[in-house]
Amino acid sequence: HARKGEVNGAAELVDRMERVGLRPKAPEFAMILEACARARPPNAPAAEKIFEEMLADGVAPSEGVLDNLRRAVGKRRFAKLEGRARRAQEAAAGPPTPSAVA
């Protein structure tokens, strides 16, 4: 579905995961965002909504998520969303260890 730009089909796969108790992670969100990016025209509103849901679920964005988000929403809008993405990545990584600070 993602390669064909079929956003609804890609989102349905993730919905099925949730129905059987599996929690989607970054690769699944990257797949849906890829579908948003490949849709013609790209489906920026859906991509942004999916990204917001991913962050609300506590899933840190991977580089694949960020790349597909950028392609779906465009460089200008991505620049505004990227700060939130980086903060989510940092939060998922946790506080720095004493050896990492030194």
C-alpha atoms as a PDB file:
ATOM      1  CA  HIS A   1       0.000   0.000   0.000  1.00  0.00           C
ATOM      2  CA  ALA A   2       2.745   2.449   0.937  1.00  0.00           C
ATOM      3  CA  ARG A   3       4.572   2.117  -2.384  1.00  0.00           C
ATOM      4  CA  LYS A   4       1.375   2.852  -4.266  1.00  0.00           C
ATOM      5  CA  GLY A   5       0.477   5.898  -2.180  1.00  0.00           C
ATOM      6  CA  GLU A   6      -2.581   4.158  -0.726  1.00  0.00           C
ATOM      7  CA  VAL A   7      -2.859   5.965   2.603  1.00  0.00           C
ATOM      8  CA  ASN A   8      -6.074   4.270   3.713  1.00  0.00           C
ATOM      9  CA  GLY A   9      -4.725   0.797   2.991  1.00  0.00           C
ATOM     10  CA  ALA A  10      -1.496   1.463   4.889  1.00  0.00           C
ATOM     11  CA  ALA A  11      -3.398   2.946   7.826  1.00  0.00           C
ATOM     12  CA  GLU A  12      -5.742  -0.060   7.883  1.00  0.00           C
ATOM     13  CA  LEU A  13      -2.777  -2.396   8.389  1.00  0.00           C
ATOM     14  CA  VAL A  14      -1.742  -0.427  11.459  1.00  0.00           C
ATOM     15  CA  ASP A  15      -5.345  -0.385  12.715  1.00  0.00           C
ATOM     16  CA  ARG A  16      -5.376  -4.183  12.463  1.00  0.00           C
ATOM     17  CA  MET A  17      -2.216  -4.351  14.550  1.00  0.00           C
ATOM     18  CA  GLU A  18      -3.841  -2.248  17.240  1.00  0.00           C
ATOM     19  CA  ARG A  19      -6.995  -4.378  17.232  1.00  0.00           C
ATOM     20  CA  VAL A  20      -4.949  -7.489  18.066  1.00  0.00           C
ATOM     21  CA  GLY A  21      -3.022  -5.696  20.800  1.00  0.00           C
ATOM     22  CA  LEU A  22       0.175  -4.793  18.931  1.00  0.00           C
ATOM     23  CA  ARG A  23       1.466  -1.278  19.404  1.00  0.00           C
ATOM     24  CA  PRO A  24       2.739   0.363  16.197  1.00  0.00           C
ATOM     25  CA  LYS A  25       6.328   1.543  16.299  1.00  0.00           C
ATOM     26  CA  ALA A  26       8.341   3.866  14.079  1.00  0.00           C
ATOM     27  CA  PRO A  27       8.585   1.444  11.088  1.00  0.00           C
ATOM     28  CA  GLU A  28       4.799   1.183  10.848  1.00  0.00           C
ATOM     29  CA  PHE A  29       4.377   4.952  11.071  1.00  0.00           C
ATOM     30  CA  ALA A  30       7.108   5.364   8.446  1.00  0.00           C
ATOM     31  CA  MET A  31       5.108   3.074   6.144  1.00  0.00           C
ATOM     32  CA  ILE A  32       1.959   5.199   6.463  1.00  0.00           C
ATOM     33  CA  LEU A  33       3.946   8.394   5.962  1.00  0.00           C
ATOM     34  CA  GLU A  34       5.532   6.877   2.859  1.00  0.00           C
ATOM     35  CA  ALA A  35       2.033   6.303   1.490  1.00  0.00           C
ATOM     36  CA  CYS A  36       1.198   9.946   2.233  1.00  0.00           C
ATOM     37  CA  ALA A  37       4.358  11.067   0.418  1.00  0.00           C
ATOM     38  CA  ARG A  38       3.694   8.843  -2.613  1.00  0.00           C
ATOM     39  CA  ALA A  39       0.038   9.829  -2.974  1.00  0.00           C
ATOM     40  CA  ARG A  40      -0.602  12.168  -5.899  1.00  0.00           C
ATOM     41  CA  PRO A  41      -0.745  14.875  -4.794  1.00  0.00           C
ATOM     42  CA  PRO A  42       1.053  14.118  -1.515  1.00  0.00           C
ATOM     43  CA  ASN A  43      -1.387  13.923   1.377  1.00  0.00           C
ATOM     44  CA  ALA A  44       0.158  16.488   3.723  1.00  0.00           C
ATOM     45  CA  PRO A  45      -2.832  16.828   6.097  1.00  0.00           C
ATOM     46  CA  ALA A  46      -2.957  13.068   6.701  1.00  0.00           C
ATOM     47  CA  ALA A  47       0.825  12.923   7.167  1.00  0.00           C
ATOM     48  CA  GLU A  48       0.769  15.649   9.776  1.00  0.00           C
ATOM     49  CA  LYS A  49      -2.150  14.019  11.610  1.00  0.00           C
ATOM     50  CA  ILE A  50      -0.373  10.636  11.645  1.00  0.00           C
ATOM     51  CA  PHE A  51       2.823  12.275  12.881  1.00  0.00           C
ATOM     52  CA  GLU A  52       0.938  14.003  15.713  1.00  0.00           C
ATOM     53  CA  GLU A  53      -0.718  10.692  16.680  1.00  0.00           C
ATOM     54  CA  MET A  54       2.653   8.970  16.689  1.00  0.00           C
ATOM     55  CA  LEU A  55       4.119  11.569  19.049  1.00  0.00           C
ATOM     56  CA  ALA A  56       1.022  11.435  21.277  1.00  0.00           C
ATOM     57  CA  ASP A  57       1.497   7.649  21.510  1.00  0.00           C
ATOM     58  CA  GLY A  58       5.037   8.228  22.760  1.00  0.00           C
ATOM     59  CA  VAL A  59       6.734   6.793  19.669  1.00  0.00           C
ATOM     60  CA  ALA A  60      10.024   8.513  18.856  1.00  0.00           C
ATOM     61  CA  PRO A  61      10.409   9.279  15.155  1.00  0.00           C
ATOM     62  CA  SER A  62      13.080   7.389  13.252  1.00  0.00           C
ATOM     63  CA  GLU A  63      15.055   8.871  10.380  1.00  0.00           C
ATOM     64  CA  GLY A  64      12.713   6.976   8.017  1.00  0.00           C
ATOM     65  CA  VAL A  65       9.708   8.642   9.639  1.00  0.00           C
ATOM     66  CA  LEU A  66      11.316  12.057   9.310  1.00  0.00           C
ATOM     67  CA  ASP A  67      12.326  11.520   5.688  1.00  0.00           C
ATOM     68  CA  ASN A  68       8.827  10.409   4.692  1.00  0.00           C
ATOM     69  CA  LEU A  69       7.234  13.230   6.682  1.00  0.00           C
ATOM     70  CA  ARG A  70       9.438  15.782   4.898  1.00  0.00           C
ATOM     71  CA  ARG A  71       8.516  14.353   1.514  1.00  0.00           C
ATOM     72  CA  ALA A  72       4.803  14.375   2.404  1.00  0.00           C
ATOM     73  CA  VAL A  73       4.480  17.852   3.924  1.00  0.00           C
ATOM     74  CA  GLY A  74       7.218  19.728   2.078  1.00  0.00           C
ATOM     75  CA  LYS A  75      10.388  21.382   3.329  1.00  0.00           C
ATOM     76  CA  ARG A  76       8.784  24.526   4.734  1.00  0.00           C
ATOM     77  CA  ARG A  77       6.184  22.741   6.882  1.00  0.00           C
ATOM     78  CA  PHE A  78       8.699  20.051   7.854  1.00  0.00           C
ATOM     79  CA  ALA A  79      11.012  22.728   9.247  1.00  0.00           C
ATOM     80  CA  LYS A  80       8.227  23.689  11.668  1.00  0.00           C
ATOM     81  CA  LEU A  81       7.545  20.067  12.682  1.00  0.00           C
ATOM     82  CA  GLU A  82      11.166  18.977  12.945  1.00  0.00           C
ATOM     83  CA  GLY A  83      11.741  20.633  16.320  1.00  0.00           C
ATOM     84  CA  ARG A  84       8.961  18.576  17.879  1.00  0.00           C
ATOM     85  CA  ALA A  85      10.391  15.444  16.295  1.00  0.00           C
ATOM     86  CA  ARG A  86      13.874  16.079  17.664  1.00  0.00           C
ATOM     87  CA  ARG A  87      12.506  16.742  21.164  1.00  0.00           C
ATOM     88  CA  ALA A  88      10.586  13.447  21.007  1.00  0.00           C
ATOM     89  CA  GLN A  89      13.762  11.618  19.962  1.00  0.00           C
ATOM     90  CA  GLU A  90      15.690  13.160  22.851  1.00  0.00           C
ATOM     91  CA  ALA A  91      12.945  12.275  25.328  1.00  0.00           C
ATOM     92  CA  ALA A  92      12.946   8.666  24.120  1.00  0.00           C
ATOM     93  CA  ALA A  93      16.714   8.480  24.538  1.00  0.00           C
ATOM     94  CA  GLY A  94      16.414   9.573  28.169  1.00  0.00           C
ATOM     95  CA  PRO A  95      18.713  11.818  30.153  1.00  0.00           C
ATOM     96  CA  PRO A  96      22.392  11.722  29.344  1.00  0.00           C
ATOM     97  CA  THR A  97      24.506   9.411  31.451  1.00  0.00           C
ATOM     98  CA  PRO A  98      27.298  10.941  33.577  1.00  0.00           C
ATOM     99  CA  SER A  99      29.948   9.446  31.285  1.00  0.00           C
ATOM    100  CA  ALA A 100      28.240  10.970  28.230  1.00  0.00           C
ATOM    101  CA  VAL A 101      28.277  14.416  29.824  1.00  0.00           C
ATOM    102  CA  ALA A 102      31.974  14.352  30.744  1.00  0.00           C
END
